[in-house]
Protein backbone atom coordinates (compact mmCIF):
# COMPACT_ATOMS: atom_id res chain seq x y z
CA UNK A 1 9.54 -18.48 -1.38
CA UNK A 2 13.12 -17.57 -2.20
CA UNK A 3 14.66 -14.13 -2.10
CA UNK A 4 16.69 -11.90 0.15
CA UNK A 5 16.29 -14.26 3.11
CA UNK A 6 19.21 -16.30 1.76
CA UNK A 7 21.55 -13.37 2.24
CA UNK A 8 21.95 -13.52 5.98
CA UNK A 9 22.54 -16.59 8.07
CA UNK A 10 24.95 -17.68 10.77
CA UNK A 11 26.89 -20.83 9.91
CA UNK A 12 27.77 -21.35 13.58
CA UNK A 13 24.11 -21.12 14.56
CA UNK A 14 23.18 -23.57 11.81
CA UNK A 15 25.78 -26.10 12.96
CA UNK A 16 24.63 -25.73 16.55
CA UNK A 17 21.00 -26.39 15.61
CA UNK A 18 21.99 -29.40 13.50
CA UNK A 19 23.96 -30.73 16.46
CA UNK A 20 20.82 -30.53 18.62
CA UNK A 21 18.74 -32.23 15.94
CA UNK A 22 21.25 -35.07 15.59
CA UNK A 23 21.54 -35.63 19.35
CA UNK A 24 18.90 -38.23 20.21
CA UNK A 25 19.09 -37.63 23.97
CA UNK A 26 18.88 -33.86 23.56
CA UNK A 27 15.85 -34.09 21.25
CA UNK A 28 14.14 -36.47 23.68
CA UNK A 29 14.32 -33.83 26.42
CA UNK A 30 12.71 -31.14 24.28
CA UNK A 31 9.00 -30.34 24.26
CA UNK A 32 6.98 -30.91 21.09
CA UNK A 33 7.07 -27.20 20.36
CA UNK A 34 10.84 -27.00 20.87
CA UNK A 35 11.34 -30.00 18.57
CA UNK A 36 9.20 -28.35 15.89
CA UNK A 37 11.26 -25.18 16.19
CA UNK A 38 14.47 -27.16 15.66
CA UNK A 39 13.02 -28.91 12.61
CA UNK A 40 11.75 -25.68 11.07
CA UNK A 41 15.02 -23.86 11.72
CA UNK A 42 17.06 -26.60 10.06
CA UNK A 43 14.71 -26.62 7.06
CA UNK A 44 14.84 -22.82 6.79
CA UNK A 45 18.63 -22.70 6.99
CA UNK A 46 18.92 -25.46 4.39
CA UNK A 47 16.75 -23.46 1.99
CA UNK A 48 18.97 -20.46 2.62
CA UNK A 49 21.99 -22.49 1.54
CA UNK A 50 23.61 -22.86 4.95
CA UNK A 51 24.91 -26.33 4.02
CA UNK A 52 26.55 -25.12 0.79
CA UNK A 53 30.20 -24.29 0.32
CA UNK A 54 31.06 -20.63 -0.16
CA UNK A 55 31.14 -20.81 -3.96
CA UNK A 56 27.70 -22.39 -4.25
CA UNK A 57 26.29 -20.10 -1.60
CA UNK A 58 27.53 -17.03 -3.47
CA UNK A 59 25.87 -18.39 -6.61
CA UNK A 60 22.60 -18.92 -4.70
CA UNK A 61 22.74 -15.40 -3.31
CA UNK A 62 23.22 -13.98 -6.80
CA UNK A 63 20.29 -15.96 -8.20
CA UNK A 64 17.94 -15.09 -5.35
CA UNK A 65 18.82 -11.40 -5.53
CA UNK A 66 17.64 -11.47 -9.15
CA UNK A 67 14.49 -13.36 -8.18
CA UNK A 68 13.62 -10.78 -5.52
CA UNK A 69 13.99 -7.92 -8.00
CA UNK A 70 11.74 -9.59 -10.57
CA UNK A 71 9.09 -10.54 -8.03
CA UNK A 72 9.06 -6.99 -6.71
CA UNK A 73 8.68 -5.56 -10.20
CA UNK A 74 5.89 -8.01 -11.13
CA UNK A 75 3.88 -7.16 -8.00
CA UNK A 76 4.57 -3.44 -8.40
CA UNK A 77 3.19 -3.63 -11.93
CA UNK A 78 -0.04 -5.32 -10.83
CA UNK A 79 -0.55 -2.70 -8.11
CA UNK A 80 0.26 0.42 -10.12
CA UNK A 81 -0.62 -0.33 -13.75
CA UNK A 82 -4.01 1.08 -14.64
CA UNK A 83 -5.79 1.72 -17.91
CA UNK A 84 -8.53 4.26 -18.53
CA UNK A 85 -11.31 3.49 -20.98
CA UNK A 86 -14.06 5.74 -22.30
CA UNK A 87 -17.61 4.48 -22.65
CA UNK A 88 -20.95 6.07 -23.43
CA UNK A 89 -23.95 5.46 -21.18
CA UNK A 90 -25.44 3.12 -23.78
CA UNK A 91 -22.20 1.10 -23.94
CA UNK A 92 -22.50 0.66 -20.17
CA UNK A 93 -26.12 -0.44 -20.32
CA UNK A 94 -26.89 -2.78 -17.44
CA UNK A 95 -24.83 -0.88 -14.85
CA UNK A 96 -26.85 0.62 -11.97
CA UNK A 97 -27.22 4.38 -11.50
CA UNK A 98 -24.83 4.24 -8.55
CA UNK A 99 -22.01 3.31 -10.93
CA UNK A 100 -22.32 6.68 -12.68
CA UNK A 101 -22.68 8.81 -9.58
CA UNK A 102 -19.80 11.34 -9.35
CA UNK A 103 -17.99 9.50 -12.17
CA UNK A 104 -15.60 11.69 -14.13
CA UNK A 105 -16.19 12.28 -17.83
CA UNK A 106 -14.02 13.25 -20.77
CA UNK A 107 -14.56 13.99 -24.43
CA UNK A 108 -13.47 11.30 -26.82
CA UNK A 109 -11.13 12.76 -29.42
CA UNK A 110 -10.28 11.44 -32.83
CA UNK A 111 -9.32 12.85 -36.19
CA UNK A 112 -8.82 16.27 -34.66
CA UNK A 113 -12.50 16.45 -33.73
CA UNK A 114 -13.86 16.56 -30.22
CA UNK A 115 -16.44 13.88 -29.64
CA UNK A 116 -19.19 13.49 -27.06
CA UNK A 117 -18.57 13.33 -23.33
CA UNK A 118 -17.79 9.78 -22.24
CA UNK A 119 -17.56 8.12 -18.84
CA UNK A 120 -14.05 7.32 -17.58
CA UNK A 121 -13.80 3.71 -16.44
CA UNK A 122 -10.55 2.32 -15.05
CA UNK A 123 -9.17 -1.17 -14.53
CA UNK A 124 -9.43 -0.82 -10.75
CA UNK A 125 -11.21 -3.76 -9.18
CA UNK A 126 -14.16 -1.53 -8.18
CA UNK A 127 -14.77 -0.70 -11.86
CA UNK A 128 -13.67 -3.93 -13.50
CA UNK A 129 -15.95 -6.37 -11.67
CA UNK A 130 -19.23 -4.43 -12.13
CA UNK A 131 -18.55 -3.89 -15.84
CA UNK A 132 -17.72 -7.51 -16.75
CA UNK A 133 -20.56 -8.71 -14.55
CA UNK A 134 -23.36 -6.31 -15.52
CA UNK A 135 -22.63 -4.67 -18.89
CA UNK A 136 -24.98 -6.13 -21.49
CA UNK A 137 -22.81 -4.90 -24.39
CA UNK A 138 -20.36 -7.69 -25.25
CA UNK A 139 -17.88 -5.33 -26.90
CA UNK A 140 -17.75 -3.31 -23.67
CA UNK A 141 -17.03 -6.44 -21.64
CA UNK A 142 -14.37 -7.50 -24.13
CA UNK A 143 -12.62 -4.12 -24.01
CA UNK A 144 -12.73 -4.12 -20.21
CA UNK A 145 -11.36 -7.64 -19.89
CA UNK A 146 -8.66 -7.02 -22.48
CA UNK A 147 -7.52 -3.85 -20.72
CA UNK A 148 -7.56 -5.51 -17.30
CA UNK A 149 -5.49 -8.59 -18.16
CA UNK A 150 -3.26 -6.65 -20.54
CA UNK A 151 -2.38 -3.81 -18.22
CA UNK A 152 0.99 -5.36 -17.26
CA UNK A 153 2.62 -6.18 -20.62
CA UNK A 154 6.02 -7.01 -19.09
CA UNK A 155 4.77 -9.41 -16.44
CA UNK A 156 4.72 -12.65 -18.42
CA UNK A 157 8.38 -12.14 -19.32
CA UNK A 158 9.13 -11.48 -15.65
CA UNK A 159 7.30 -14.69 -14.72
CA UNK A 160 9.22 -16.63 -17.39
CA UNK A 161 12.57 -15.36 -16.13
CA UNK A 162 11.64 -15.97 -12.49
CA UNK A 163 10.58 -19.58 -13.15
CA UNK A 164 13.97 -20.30 -14.75
CA UNK A 165 15.86 -18.58 -11.95
CA UNK A 166 13.93 -20.56 -9.36
CA UNK A 167 14.89 -23.76 -11.16
CA UNK A 168 18.56 -22.71 -11.06
CA UNK A 169 18.31 -21.97 -7.33
CA UNK A 170 16.68 -25.34 -6.67
CA UNK A 171 19.43 -27.10 -8.62
CA UNK A 172 22.11 -25.34 -6.57
CA UNK A 173 20.39 -26.63 -3.43
CA UNK A 174 20.33 -30.17 -4.83
CA UNK A 175 16.72 -30.45 -5.99
CA UNK A 176 15.43 -31.51 -9.40
CA UNK A 177 12.75 -28.81 -9.56
CA UNK A 178 11.54 -25.79 -7.64
CA UNK A 179 8.31 -27.58 -6.70
CA UNK A 180 10.33 -30.39 -5.15
CA UNK A 181 12.07 -27.81 -2.96
CA UNK A 182 8.86 -26.05 -1.89
CA UNK A 183 6.61 -29.07 -1.38
CA UNK A 184 8.93 -30.98 0.94
CA UNK A 185 7.68 -28.86 3.87
CA UNK A 186 3.97 -29.20 3.06
CA UNK A 187 1.29 -31.70 4.00
CA UNK A 188 1.29 -32.91 0.39
CA UNK A 189 5.09 -33.51 0.40
CA UNK A 190 5.48 -33.97 -3.37
CA UNK A 191 4.25 -32.82 -6.77
CA UNK A 192 3.02 -36.37 -7.44
CA UNK A 193 0.60 -36.23 -4.52
CA UNK A 194 -0.56 -32.74 -5.54
CA UNK A 195 -1.07 -33.90 -9.12
CA UNK A 196 -3.09 -36.90 -7.91
CA UNK A 197 -5.19 -34.70 -5.63
CA UNK A 198 -5.96 -32.21 -8.41
CA UNK A 199 -6.79 -35.00 -10.87
CA UNK A 200 -9.20 -36.60 -8.40
CA UNK A 201 -10.86 -33.27 -7.66
CA UNK A 202 -11.16 -32.42 -11.34
CA UNK A 203 -12.90 -35.73 -11.96
CA UNK A 204 -15.34 -34.96 -9.17
CA UNK A 205 -16.26 -31.42 -10.30
CA UNK A 206 -15.96 -31.73 -14.09
CA UNK A 207 -19.54 -32.93 -14.53
CA UNK A 208 -20.99 -30.09 -12.48
CA UNK A 209 -18.73 -27.54 -14.17
CA UNK A 210 -19.69 -28.78 -17.64
CA UNK A 211 -23.38 -28.54 -16.78
CA UNK A 212 -22.78 -24.98 -15.60
CA UNK A 213 -20.83 -24.11 -18.76
CA UNK A 214 -23.45 -25.65 -21.07
CA UNK A 215 -26.11 -23.62 -19.30
CA UNK A 216 -24.16 -20.39 -19.80
CA UNK A 217 -23.59 -21.14 -23.49
CA UNK A 218 -27.30 -21.84 -24.00
CA UNK A 219 -28.14 -18.63 -22.16
CA UNK A 220 -25.89 -16.57 -24.42
CA UNK A 221 -27.27 -18.24 -27.55
CA UNK A 222 -30.80 -17.36 -26.44
CA UNK A 223 -29.68 -13.81 -25.61
CA UNK A 224 -28.16 -13.32 -29.05
CA UNK A 225 -31.28 -14.73 -30.68
CA UNK A 226 -33.47 -12.31 -28.70
CA UNK A 227 -31.29 -9.43 -29.95
CA UNK A 228 -31.35 -10.70 -33.55
CA UNK A 229 -27.56 -10.95 -33.42
CA UNK A 230 -25.42 -13.90 -34.55
CA UNK A 231 -23.92 -16.19 -31.91
CA UNK A 232 -20.15 -16.05 -32.38
CA UNK A 233 -19.05 -18.24 -29.51
CA UNK A 234 -18.73 -18.08 -25.74
CA UNK A 235 -15.69 -16.10 -24.60
CA UNK A 236 -13.81 -15.54 -21.37
CA UNK A 237 -15.31 -12.03 -21.00
CA UNK A 238 -18.78 -13.63 -21.07
CA UNK A 239 -18.28 -15.76 -17.93
CA UNK A 240 -19.12 -13.22 -15.23
CA UNK A 241 -22.02 -11.64 -17.14
CA UNK A 242 -23.87 -14.85 -17.96
CA UNK A 243 -23.05 -16.44 -14.60
CA UNK A 244 -24.80 -13.47 -12.99
CA UNK A 245 -27.74 -13.90 -15.35
CA UNK A 246 -27.90 -17.61 -14.52
CA UNK A 247 -28.07 -16.93 -10.78
CA UNK A 248 -31.09 -14.73 -11.43
CA UNK A 249 -32.82 -17.39 -13.53
CA UNK A 250 -31.85 -20.58 -11.69
CA UNK A 251 -31.72 -19.35 -8.11
CA UNK A 252 -33.77 -16.15 -8.25
CA UNK A 253 -30.82 -14.16 -6.93
CA UNK A 254 -30.21 -10.65 -8.27
CA UNK A 255 -26.73 -9.51 -7.25
CA UNK A 256 -27.77 -5.85 -7.18
CA UNK A 257 -30.72 -6.54 -4.89
CA UNK A 258 -28.45 -8.64 -2.66
CA UNK A 259 -26.03 -5.71 -2.33
CA UNK A 260 -28.81 -3.59 -0.83
CA UNK A 261 -28.75 -5.91 2.18
CA UNK A 262 -24.97 -5.75 2.71
CA UNK A 263 -23.97 -2.24 3.88
CA UNK A 264 -20.25 -2.35 4.63
CA UNK A 265 -20.28 -1.05 8.22
CA UNK A 266 -23.16 -3.32 9.26
CA UNK A 267 -21.49 -6.35 7.69
CA UNK A 268 -18.18 -5.57 9.39
CA UNK A 269 -19.86 -5.13 12.78
CA UNK A 270 -21.72 -8.44 12.50
CA UNK A 271 -18.76 -10.41 11.15
CA UNK A 272 -16.55 -9.20 13.99
CA UNK A 273 -19.31 -10.01 16.51
CA UNK A 274 -19.58 -13.58 15.19
CA UNK A 275 -15.82 -14.06 15.40
CA UNK A 276 -15.83 -12.65 18.94
CA UNK A 277 -18.60 -15.01 20.04
CA UNK A 278 -17.11 -18.10 18.42
CA UNK A 279 -13.59 -17.50 19.71
CA UNK A 280 -14.37 -16.04 23.12
CA UNK A 281 -12.77 -12.69 22.36
CA UNK A 282 -13.59 -9.02 22.90
CA UNK A 283 -12.51 -6.26 20.54
CA UNK A 284 -11.97 -2.65 21.54
CA UNK A 285 -11.50 -0.07 18.80
CA UNK A 286 -8.81 2.53 19.42
CA UNK A 287 -9.73 6.04 18.33
CA UNK A 288 -8.08 9.41 17.94
CA UNK A 289 -4.47 9.80 19.02
CA UNK A 290 -4.48 6.33 20.59
CA UNK A 291 -4.28 4.86 17.10
CA UNK A 292 -0.90 4.15 15.55
CA UNK A 293 -1.78 3.72 11.87
CA UNK A 294 -0.33 4.34 8.42
CA UNK A 295 -3.44 5.97 6.90
CA UNK A 296 -6.43 7.87 8.39
CA UNK A 297 -8.85 5.21 7.11
CA UNK A 298 -7.09 2.40 8.96
CA UNK A 299 -8.88 1.08 12.05
CA UNK A 300 -6.97 -0.31 15.03
CA UNK A 301 -8.45 -2.82 17.48
CA UNK A 302 -7.23 -4.27 20.73
CA UNK A 303 -8.22 -7.92 21.17
CA UNK A 304 -8.89 -9.27 24.67
CA UNK A 305 -10.12 -12.52 26.17
CA UNK A 306 -13.87 -12.17 26.76
CA UNK A 307 -13.84 -14.35 29.89
CA UNK A 308 -11.04 -12.42 31.57
CA UNK A 309 -10.84 -8.65 30.89
CA UNK A 310 -7.21 -8.62 32.04
CA UNK A 311 -5.93 -11.07 29.41
CA UNK A 312 -4.66 -9.19 26.37
CA UNK A 313 -4.44 -11.11 23.07
CA UNK A 314 -3.09 -8.75 20.40
CA UNK A 315 -3.81 -6.04 17.83
CA UNK A 316 -5.74 -6.17 14.56
CA UNK A 317 -5.45 -3.37 12.00
CA UNK A 318 -8.16 -3.06 9.33
CA UNK A 319 -7.24 -1.26 6.10
CA UNK A 320 -10.61 -1.83 4.47
CA UNK A 321 -11.26 0.74 1.78
CA UNK A 322 -10.10 1.16 -1.77
CA UNK A 323 -7.73 4.01 -2.50
CA UNK A 324 -5.56 4.78 -5.50
CA UNK A 325 -2.19 4.81 -3.73
CA UNK A 326 -0.74 1.45 -4.75
CA UNK A 327 -2.14 -0.25 -1.68
CA UNK A 328 -0.84 -3.86 -1.97
CA UNK A 329 -4.00 -5.93 -1.64
CA UNK A 330 -4.62 -7.97 -4.77
CA UNK A 331 -8.17 -9.01 -3.92
CA UNK A 332 -7.26 -9.11 -0.24
CA UNK A 333 -4.35 -9.94 2.03
CA UNK A 334 -3.46 -10.40 5.69
CA UNK A 335 0.00 -10.34 7.19
CA UNK A 336 1.87 -10.26 10.47
CA UNK A 337 2.95 -6.84 11.60
CA UNK A 338 4.50 -8.59 14.58
CA UNK A 339 4.64 -12.23 15.58
CA UNK A 340 3.86 -13.02 19.18
CA UNK A 341 5.66 -15.25 21.66
CA UNK A 342 5.11 -16.18 25.30
CA UNK A 343 6.28 -18.92 27.66
CA UNK A 344 3.46 -18.38 30.16
CA UNK A 345 -0.26 -19.09 30.16
CA UNK A 346 -1.06 -15.49 30.98
CA UNK A 347 -1.90 -12.87 28.37
CA UNK A 348 0.55 -10.59 26.66
CA UNK A 349 1.57 -7.18 27.91
CA UNK A 350 -0.14 -4.89 25.40
CA UNK A 351 2.77 -2.45 25.49
CA UNK A 352 5.40 -5.10 24.85
CA UNK A 353 7.04 -6.29 21.65
CA UNK A 354 5.94 -9.89 22.20
CA UNK A 355 2.21 -9.60 21.42
CA UNK A 356 0.92 -10.53 17.93
CA UNK A 357 -0.31 -7.86 15.55
CA UNK A 358 -2.02 -8.51 12.21
CA UNK A 359 -3.09 -6.26 9.35
CA UNK A 360 -6.04 -6.97 7.03
CA UNK A 361 -6.01 -5.21 3.64
CA UNK A 362 -9.03 -5.35 1.33
CA UNK A 363 -10.60 -3.03 -1.25
CA UNK A 364 -14.14 -2.28 -0.12
CA UNK A 365 -16.29 0.75 -1.00
CA UNK A 366 -15.72 3.59 1.45
CA UNK A 367 -18.78 4.94 3.31
CA UNK A 368 -17.06 8.31 3.77
CA UNK A 369 -19.20 9.92 1.05
CA UNK A 370 -22.14 9.90 3.46
CA UNK A 371 -24.49 8.22 0.98
CA UNK A 372 -25.13 4.65 2.21
CA UNK A 373 -25.88 3.55 -1.36
CA UNK A 374 -22.20 4.10 -2.15
CA UNK A 375 -21.01 1.60 0.46
CA UNK A 376 -22.76 -1.67 -0.31
CA UNK A 377 -20.92 -4.98 -0.63
CA UNK A 378 -21.24 -7.77 -3.13
CA UNK A 379 -21.33 -11.35 -1.89
CA UNK A 380 -17.77 -11.75 -3.18
CA UNK A 381 -16.54 -8.75 -1.19
CA UNK A 382 -18.28 -10.07 1.91
CA UNK A 383 -16.61 -13.44 1.42
CA UNK A 384 -13.21 -11.76 1.05
CA UNK A 385 -13.71 -9.83 4.29
CA UNK A 386 -14.68 -12.99 6.17
CA UNK A 387 -11.70 -14.85 4.67
CA UNK A 388 -9.05 -12.27 5.52
CA UNK A 389 -10.40 -11.79 9.03
CA UNK A 390 -10.08 -15.56 9.40
CA UNK A 391 -6.32 -15.19 8.90
CA UNK A 392 -6.17 -12.32 11.38
CA UNK A 393 -7.98 -14.27 14.09
CA UNK A 394 -5.83 -17.34 13.38
CA UNK A 395 -2.87 -15.10 14.24
CA UNK A 396 -4.61 -13.80 17.36
CA UNK A 397 -5.60 -17.24 18.68
CA UNK A 398 -2.20 -18.84 18.16
CA UNK A 399 -0.14 -18.66 21.34
CA UNK A 400 3.36 -20.11 21.11
CA UNK A 401 6.63 -20.04 22.97
CA UNK A 402 8.51 -19.15 19.77
CA UNK A 403 7.53 -16.33 17.41
CA UNK A 404 8.63 -18.38 14.40
CA UNK A 405 5.78 -20.82 15.12
CA UNK A 406 3.12 -18.19 15.82
CA UNK A 407 -0.02 -17.79 13.74
CA UNK A 408 -0.01 -18.71 10.07
CA UNK A 409 3.78 -19.09 10.19
CA UNK A 410 3.56 -22.11 12.46
CA UNK A 411 1.53 -24.41 10.22
CA UNK A 412 2.32 -26.16 6.94
CA UNK A 413 1.91 -23.85 3.92
CA UNK A 414 -0.97 -25.89 2.52
CA UNK A 415 -2.85 -25.67 5.85
CA UNK A 416 -2.68 -21.86 6.11
CA UNK A 417 -6.00 -21.35 4.31
CA UNK A 418 -7.96 -23.92 6.34
CA UNK A 419 -9.29 -21.63 9.13
CA UNK A 420 -10.30 -18.90 6.68
CA UNK A 421 -11.98 -21.30 4.27
CA UNK A 422 -13.79 -23.00 7.14
CA UNK A 423 -15.20 -19.60 8.09
CA UNK A 424 -16.16 -18.92 4.47
CA UNK A 425 -18.12 -22.18 4.44
CA UNK A 426 -19.72 -21.31 7.77
CA UNK A 427 -20.90 -17.94 6.48
CA UNK A 428 -22.74 -19.63 3.60
CA UNK A 429 -25.04 -21.30 6.14
CA UNK A 430 -28.45 -19.53 6.05
CA UNK A 431 -28.67 -18.97 9.80
CA UNK A 432 -25.26 -17.25 9.78
CA UNK A 433 -25.53 -15.32 6.53
CA UNK A 434 -28.86 -13.78 7.52
CA UNK A 435 -27.22 -12.21 10.59
CA UNK A 436 -25.03 -10.13 8.28
CA UNK A 437 -27.88 -8.64 6.31
CA UNK A 438 -29.69 -5.36 6.86
CA UNK A 439 -31.35 -3.36 4.09
CA UNK A 440 -29.51 -0.06 3.90
CA UNK A 441 -32.81 1.90 3.70
CA UNK A 442 -35.39 -0.08 5.69
CA UNK A 443 -33.08 -1.85 8.14
CA UNK A 444 -34.91 -5.12 7.49
CA UNK A 445 -32.90 -8.38 7.26
CA UNK A 446 -32.80 -10.25 3.98
CA UNK A 447 -35.94 -12.37 3.46
CA UNK A 448 -35.36 -15.98 4.48
CA UNK A 449 -36.21 -17.38 1.04
CA UNK A 450 -33.64 -15.06 -0.60
CA UNK A 451 -31.02 -16.10 1.95
CA UNK A 452 -31.68 -19.77 1.22
CA UNK A 453 -31.48 -19.28 -2.55
CA UNK A 454 -28.23 -17.35 -2.17
CA UNK A 455 -26.71 -20.09 -0.01
CA UNK A 456 -27.83 -22.76 -2.47
CA UNK A 457 -26.02 -20.91 -5.24
CA UNK A 458 -22.85 -20.34 -3.20
CA UNK A 459 -22.57 -24.09 -2.54
CA UNK A 460 -23.07 -25.19 -6.16
CA UNK A 461 -20.47 -23.24 -8.15
CA UNK A 462 -18.68 -25.80 -10.33
CA UNK A 463 -17.18 -23.16 -12.64
CA UNK A 464 -15.26 -21.55 -9.77
CA UNK A 465 -13.66 -24.87 -8.89
CA UNK A 466 -12.61 -25.33 -12.52
CA UNK A 467 -10.95 -21.91 -12.50
CA UNK A 468 -9.07 -22.72 -9.29
CA UNK A 469 -8.03 -26.07 -10.76
CA UNK A 470 -6.65 -24.35 -13.85
CA UNK A 471 -4.56 -21.95 -11.78
CA UNK A 472 -3.33 -24.72 -9.49
CA UNK A 473 -2.34 -27.02 -12.37
CA UNK A 474 -0.60 -24.19 -14.20
CA UNK A 475 1.31 -23.08 -11.11
CA UNK A 476 2.48 -26.64 -10.47
CA UNK A 477 3.43 -27.16 -14.13
CA UNK A 478 5.64 -24.10 -14.51
CA UNK A 479 7.44 -24.77 -11.23
CA UNK A 480 7.89 -28.51 -11.81
CA UNK A 481 10.03 -28.13 -14.92
CA UNK A 482 13.36 -29.94 -14.55
CA UNK A 483 15.08 -28.78 -17.71
CA UNK A 484 13.77 -25.22 -18.10
CA UNK A 485 12.19 -25.99 -21.46
CA UNK A 486 8.96 -24.21 -20.77
CA UNK A 487 7.16 -21.25 -22.29
CA UNK A 488 4.93 -19.81 -19.57
CA UNK A 489 2.77 -17.76 -21.94
CA UNK A 490 2.20 -20.54 -24.44
CA UNK A 491 1.50 -23.11 -21.73
CA UNK A 492 -1.13 -20.89 -20.13
CA UNK A 493 -2.86 -20.31 -23.46
CA UNK A 494 -2.87 -24.06 -24.11
CA UNK A 495 -4.25 -24.91 -20.66
CA UNK A 496 -6.80 -22.08 -20.45
CA UNK A 497 -7.65 -21.81 -24.16
CA UNK A 498 -7.57 -18.04 -23.71
CA UNK A 499 -7.21 -15.82 -26.80
CA UNK A 500 -3.64 -14.95 -27.87
CA UNK A 501 -2.07 -12.09 -25.87
CA UNK A 502 -4.87 -12.23 -23.30
CA UNK A 503 -3.08 -14.04 -20.50
CA UNK A 504 -4.57 -13.25 -17.10
CA UNK A 505 -1.68 -15.09 -15.44
CA UNK A 506 0.14 -11.78 -15.94
CA UNK A 507 -1.95 -10.17 -13.18
CA UNK A 508 -1.94 -13.03 -10.64
CA UNK A 509 0.58 -12.19 -7.90
CA UNK A 510 0.29 -15.67 -6.38
CA UNK A 511 2.52 -17.18 -9.06
CA UNK A 512 5.32 -14.86 -7.96
CA UNK A 513 4.89 -14.29 -4.22
CA UNK A 514 4.75 -16.75 -1.34
CA UNK A 515 2.22 -19.00 -3.09
CA UNK A 516 4.45 -20.13 -5.96
CA UNK A 517 4.01 -23.93 -6.24
CA UNK A 518 1.30 -23.59 -3.58
CA UNK A 519 -1.77 -22.37 -5.47
CA UNK A 520 -3.23 -25.84 -5.01
CA UNK A 521 -3.39 -25.13 -1.28
CA UNK A 522 -6.69 -23.24 -1.68
CA UNK A 523 -8.33 -26.43 -2.92
CA UNK A 524 -6.37 -28.68 -0.55
CA UNK A 525 -7.31 -26.50 2.42
CA UNK A 526 -10.92 -26.31 1.28
CA UNK A 527 -11.22 -30.08 1.49
CA UNK A 528 -9.93 -30.04 5.08
CA UNK A 529 -12.05 -27.02 6.00
CA UNK A 530 -15.24 -28.70 4.77
CA UNK A 531 -14.48 -31.85 6.74
CA UNK A 532 -13.61 -29.90 9.89
CA UNK A 533 -16.82 -27.88 9.68
CA UNK A 534 -18.88 -31.06 9.47
CA UNK A 535 -17.27 -32.74 12.48
């Protein structure tokens, strides 16, 4: 939220905009969109310190320069830090044969003696999720989780330092806390209203989440009894594994069987087709030299109005596949390459600099190997694709006079997720989800009873809401400090009850990037998205 954007502003421009805002007659003559531009410009300039004297502004610049460096380092660490682990086939029991296909191996060494060949497993998301979800060996899951959350040992210190610097910047600007600064421009307006919202939601989902948790604990106890092993507690590395087991038992859903019905290219084609139909758009993929892309795997699409083939809308770039080149995705991200603007009702000129362009970055399995079994999606990956495309089409469908108001930039920060979450909810409807499915061998759609069971599960996940609530409450807590007396690591361990030195907040970019003080917006937006979908 705060960084290098404070370094460059025009005091004369700021004073001119304030003069317009303060002139009642002038504001009355402006359109609603022009008025919103004035309001957003004043708010932006204020956050950049335009109203400060030169001494305070220099201090703000110094603080925000330090913040930018720490945020960049934190995010660089999460993208580039990777750990390799060695496991035997028996230690990876439960993983499908496809996991081992073409997987590199290395001998485990110790005491000067070469050991047996072991499989190399990394902390990339394509290795991490299958292992913690499917490996029946608890020690394997523990090692994988520990390596994944511990791969950025410097990040919690960077978060601690950034939180304190943000507080200093907020104080310079006249605010009591960083959250107070950020939330003034949101729908929620204050940390008190966010706190009340989260408390109300927690009360509503706690019962369901506790039932889910009790079921997982009972499942592990039974599992340990079946193996004649002692039950030594339910741990954070057990969540994904026993949640997957529970879906098989309670809903009759096997995640590996489900994947067989979600080949990546088929899913992409159907998701895009649904977006096209709903929004009245037509997409044309650019191929060969007509593409202007940053990597050979990136796909470029022109977007046109379906009703009028002469009305151009914008460009969407899809960077879909995992690669080990520090691609900045997290689990997925969408951003403006270019914000659009137009003062006419006609379409954009596709060769001009005023049409919107959006890029979608996700980490999906690449079908380039030629074996369709290597390019199957999980339900989670499908949801991520739908979600990020929701942001891209939000950008495409937003037509404004001013580029600053275009797409996701033109709405309140805690509304940004609403269109994407609404589409996520829509795609958990059986009649929609079934359209995405196609068995990668037979070509048959997913059986209707399996689709229904899968949708029932997707709509009853209390544990996921509890995890989002934890992250939202933690984010708000660290950024609401008024005196700086806060230990980010200790607070997270207290709130999450995670084991010492296993703090997964160290690998969550949202606490450092544009979602600082705004993690609650996923839950806030979800409430609006659900209501909008039902109306």
